[in-house]
N, C-alpha and C. Protein backbone atom coordinates (compact mmCIF):
# COMPACT_ATOMS: atom_id res chain seq x y z
N MET A 1 -5.90 -13.52 -18.59
CA MET A 1 -5.29 -13.60 -17.28
C MET A 1 -6.10 -12.93 -16.24
N LYS A 2 -6.44 -13.55 -15.11
CA LYS A 2 -7.29 -12.96 -14.09
C LYS A 2 -6.54 -11.99 -13.22
N LYS A 3 -7.09 -10.80 -13.05
CA LYS A 3 -6.46 -9.84 -12.20
C LYS A 3 -6.81 -10.10 -10.83
N ASN A 4 -5.84 -9.88 -9.85
CA ASN A 4 -6.09 -10.07 -8.47
C ASN A 4 -5.15 -9.16 -7.69
N VAL A 5 -5.33 -9.15 -6.42
CA VAL A 5 -4.52 -8.20 -5.51
C VAL A 5 -3.03 -8.74 -5.54
N GLY A 6 -2.90 -10.11 -5.49
CA GLY A 6 -1.51 -10.56 -5.43
C GLY A 6 -0.69 -10.22 -6.61
N ILE A 7 -1.32 -10.23 -7.83
CA ILE A 7 -0.51 -9.81 -9.04
C ILE A 7 -0.25 -8.37 -8.96
N LEU A 8 -1.18 -7.52 -8.57
CA LEU A 8 -1.00 -6.15 -8.42
C LEU A 8 0.14 -5.83 -7.47
N LEU A 9 0.18 -6.50 -6.29
CA LEU A 9 1.28 -6.28 -5.39
C LEU A 9 2.64 -6.63 -5.94
N LEU A 10 2.61 -7.74 -6.69
CA LEU A 10 3.80 -8.16 -7.38
C LEU A 10 4.33 -7.15 -8.42
N PHE A 11 3.40 -6.60 -9.16
CA PHE A 11 3.73 -5.61 -10.16
C PHE A 11 4.32 -4.34 -9.47
N LEU A 12 3.63 -3.89 -8.35
CA LEU A 12 4.12 -2.79 -7.58
C LEU A 12 5.45 -3.02 -7.05
N LEU A 13 5.73 -4.15 -6.49
CA LEU A 13 7.03 -4.42 -5.95
C LEU A 13 8.15 -4.42 -7.09
N LEU A 14 7.81 -5.10 -8.20
CA LEU A 14 8.79 -5.11 -9.22
C LEU A 14 9.09 -3.75 -9.82
N GLY A 15 8.01 -2.93 -9.97
CA GLY A 15 8.15 -1.50 -10.47
C GLY A 15 9.02 -0.70 -9.54
N TRP A 16 8.78 -0.83 -8.27
CA TRP A 16 9.56 -0.12 -7.26
C TRP A 16 10.97 -0.56 -7.28
N LEU A 17 11.23 -1.90 -7.39
CA LEU A 17 12.56 -2.40 -7.39
C LEU A 17 13.36 -1.97 -8.67
N ALA A 18 12.62 -2.04 -9.82
CA ALA A 18 13.21 -1.56 -11.06
C ALA A 18 13.69 -0.08 -11.02
N GLY A 19 12.72 0.76 -10.53
CA GLY A 19 13.04 2.15 -10.44
C GLY A 19 14.19 2.36 -9.51
N ALA A 20 14.29 1.64 -8.40
CA ALA A 20 15.39 1.83 -7.38
C ALA A 20 16.69 1.44 -8.08
N TRP A 21 16.68 0.35 -8.85
CA TRP A 21 17.96 -0.08 -9.47
C TRP A 21 18.34 0.92 -10.53
N ILE A 22 17.46 1.43 -11.31
CA ILE A 22 17.86 2.52 -12.29
C ILE A 22 18.33 3.74 -11.58
N ALA A 23 17.79 4.14 -10.47
CA ALA A 23 18.20 5.28 -9.73
C ALA A 23 19.58 5.05 -9.22
N LYS A 24 19.89 3.86 -8.69
CA LYS A 24 21.22 3.47 -8.20
C LYS A 24 22.23 3.57 -9.33
N ALA A 25 21.84 3.04 -10.52
CA ALA A 25 22.78 3.14 -11.59
C ALA A 25 23.04 4.49 -12.16
N LEU A 26 22.11 5.34 -11.94
CA LEU A 26 22.26 6.78 -12.50
C LEU A 26 22.77 7.78 -11.39
N GLU A 27 23.11 7.24 -10.26
CA GLU A 27 23.64 8.16 -9.22
C GLU A 27 24.83 8.97 -9.54
N PRO A 28 25.79 8.39 -10.32
CA PRO A 28 26.99 9.16 -10.67
C PRO A 28 26.68 10.34 -11.61
N VAL A 29 25.61 10.31 -12.30
CA VAL A 29 25.26 11.41 -13.31
C VAL A 29 24.68 12.61 -12.46
N GLN A 30 25.40 13.66 -12.47
CA GLN A 30 25.08 14.85 -11.65
C GLN A 30 23.79 15.52 -12.24
N ALA A 31 23.66 15.47 -13.55
CA ALA A 31 22.53 16.23 -14.19
C ALA A 31 21.24 15.51 -13.82
N LEU A 32 21.27 14.25 -13.42
CA LEU A 32 19.97 13.61 -13.00
C LEU A 32 19.78 13.46 -11.49
N SER A 33 20.48 14.29 -10.74
CA SER A 33 20.43 14.06 -9.31
C SER A 33 19.02 14.27 -8.73
N PHE A 34 18.18 15.03 -9.44
CA PHE A 34 16.81 15.27 -9.00
C PHE A 34 16.00 14.04 -9.10
N LEU A 35 16.36 13.11 -9.94
CA LEU A 35 15.63 11.88 -10.18
C LEU A 35 16.16 10.76 -9.21
N THR A 36 17.44 10.82 -8.80
CA THR A 36 18.00 9.81 -8.05
C THR A 36 18.09 10.14 -6.55
N ALA A 37 17.77 11.39 -6.10
CA ALA A 37 17.77 11.71 -4.74
C ALA A 37 16.68 10.99 -4.05
N SER A 38 16.96 10.28 -2.93
CA SER A 38 16.07 9.49 -2.25
C SER A 38 15.73 9.90 -0.87
N THR A 39 14.59 9.56 -0.41
CA THR A 39 14.10 10.01 0.94
C THR A 39 13.82 8.71 1.67
N MET A 40 14.30 8.62 2.92
CA MET A 40 14.08 7.42 3.77
C MET A 40 12.79 7.67 4.60
N ILE A 41 11.90 6.72 4.49
CA ILE A 41 10.67 6.68 5.29
C ILE A 41 10.86 5.57 6.28
N LYS A 42 10.80 5.95 7.65
CA LYS A 42 11.08 4.94 8.68
C LYS A 42 9.80 4.86 9.65
N TRP A 43 9.46 3.64 9.97
CA TRP A 43 8.40 3.44 10.86
C TRP A 43 8.82 2.39 11.82
N SER A 44 8.85 2.72 13.25
CA SER A 44 9.30 1.70 14.18
C SER A 44 8.42 1.62 15.42
N PRO A 45 7.41 0.85 15.31
CA PRO A 45 6.49 0.71 16.49
C PRO A 45 7.22 -0.16 17.52
N GLN A 46 6.89 0.05 18.79
CA GLN A 46 7.55 -0.71 19.89
C GLN A 46 6.64 -0.64 21.00
N ALA A 47 6.76 -1.65 21.88
CA ALA A 47 5.89 -1.80 23.06
C ALA A 47 6.62 -2.62 24.08
N ASN A 48 6.29 -2.40 25.35
CA ASN A 48 6.82 -3.29 26.39
C ASN A 48 5.64 -3.44 27.38
N LEU A 49 5.08 -4.70 27.28
CA LEU A 49 3.84 -4.98 27.99
C LEU A 49 4.08 -5.92 29.19
N ASP A 50 5.19 -5.90 29.78
CA ASP A 50 5.61 -6.82 30.89
C ASP A 50 5.84 -8.18 30.49
N ILE A 51 4.84 -8.82 29.87
CA ILE A 51 5.10 -10.26 29.52
C ILE A 51 5.60 -10.38 28.03
N ILE A 52 5.41 -9.36 27.26
CA ILE A 52 5.99 -9.39 25.87
C ILE A 52 6.40 -8.01 25.52
N SER A 53 7.48 -7.98 24.73
CA SER A 53 7.97 -6.69 24.25
C SER A 53 8.40 -6.87 22.82
N TYR A 54 8.21 -5.84 21.96
CA TYR A 54 8.62 -5.87 20.60
C TYR A 54 9.10 -4.61 20.18
N ASP A 55 9.96 -4.64 19.13
CA ASP A 55 10.55 -3.44 18.51
C ASP A 55 10.76 -3.87 17.10
N ILE A 56 9.97 -3.21 16.20
CA ILE A 56 10.00 -3.51 14.78
C ILE A 56 10.37 -2.19 14.00
N THR A 57 11.35 -2.40 13.01
CA THR A 57 11.73 -1.18 12.29
C THR A 57 11.48 -1.49 10.78
N ILE A 58 10.72 -0.69 10.21
CA ILE A 58 10.48 -0.82 8.72
C ILE A 58 10.96 0.43 8.01
N GLN A 59 11.88 0.35 7.08
CA GLN A 59 12.41 1.41 6.35
C GLN A 59 12.17 1.30 4.83
N MET A 60 11.78 2.39 4.29
CA MET A 60 11.50 2.36 2.73
C MET A 60 12.31 3.50 2.17
N LYS A 61 12.92 3.28 1.07
CA LYS A 61 13.74 4.38 0.45
C LYS A 61 13.03 4.64 -0.96
N LEU A 62 12.56 5.90 -1.08
CA LEU A 62 11.81 6.34 -2.17
C LEU A 62 12.62 7.39 -2.94
N SER A 63 12.62 7.30 -4.21
CA SER A 63 13.12 8.37 -5.09
C SER A 63 12.04 8.60 -6.19
N LEU A 64 12.35 9.59 -7.00
CA LEU A 64 11.43 9.92 -8.07
C LEU A 64 11.39 8.81 -9.11
N LEU A 65 12.55 8.18 -9.38
CA LEU A 65 12.50 7.06 -10.34
C LEU A 65 11.78 5.91 -9.85
N SER A 66 11.91 5.62 -8.49
CA SER A 66 11.08 4.53 -7.88
C SER A 66 9.56 4.79 -8.08
N LEU A 67 9.18 6.04 -7.83
CA LEU A 67 7.69 6.36 -8.05
C LEU A 67 7.40 6.22 -9.46
N ILE A 68 8.19 6.62 -10.39
CA ILE A 68 7.94 6.45 -11.85
C ILE A 68 7.79 4.92 -12.19
N GLY A 69 8.63 4.04 -11.56
CA GLY A 69 8.58 2.66 -11.73
C GLY A 69 7.34 2.14 -11.19
N ILE A 70 6.75 2.64 -10.07
CA ILE A 70 5.43 2.16 -9.54
C ILE A 70 4.29 2.55 -10.44
N ILE A 71 4.44 3.78 -11.00
CA ILE A 71 3.29 4.20 -11.91
C ILE A 71 3.33 3.40 -13.22
N VAL A 72 4.49 3.15 -13.71
CA VAL A 72 4.61 2.32 -14.91
C VAL A 72 4.06 0.86 -14.72
N SER A 73 4.34 0.36 -13.49
CA SER A 73 3.84 -1.01 -13.03
C SER A 73 2.33 -1.02 -13.04
N VAL A 74 1.72 0.00 -12.47
CA VAL A 74 0.26 0.09 -12.43
C VAL A 74 -0.35 0.25 -13.77
N TRP A 75 0.31 1.00 -14.71
CA TRP A 75 -0.15 1.08 -16.05
C TRP A 75 -0.06 -0.21 -16.77
N LEU A 76 1.01 -0.98 -16.53
CA LEU A 76 1.15 -2.32 -17.21
C LEU A 76 0.12 -3.26 -16.64
N TYR A 77 -0.16 -3.15 -15.36
CA TYR A 77 -1.17 -4.10 -14.70
C TYR A 77 -2.54 -3.81 -15.32
N ARG A 78 -2.86 -2.53 -15.50
CA ARG A 78 -4.11 -2.20 -16.11
C ARG A 78 -4.31 -2.61 -17.59
N ARG A 79 -3.17 -2.69 -18.28
CA ARG A 79 -3.23 -3.18 -19.64
C ARG A 79 -3.33 -4.69 -19.81
N LEU A 80 -3.16 -5.48 -18.70
CA LEU A 80 -3.34 -6.89 -18.86
C LEU A 80 -4.68 -7.24 -19.26
């Protein structure tokens, strides 16, 4: 299988998503709260240039389990 950037991005997205789902499922377990605690990263560029204006908001939610999922996905990608 030929490795390319698209496959890597797919692996990263799936790893992040799998980690987020696991973190969501483990939220009720108090002993694992350090793994499931998430941080919101927000970026919202905006401009008003008289003829055009835009306001975009991008939010990402990261937890330790999401980062572990991303690391595992990179490891799996390299093993291809």
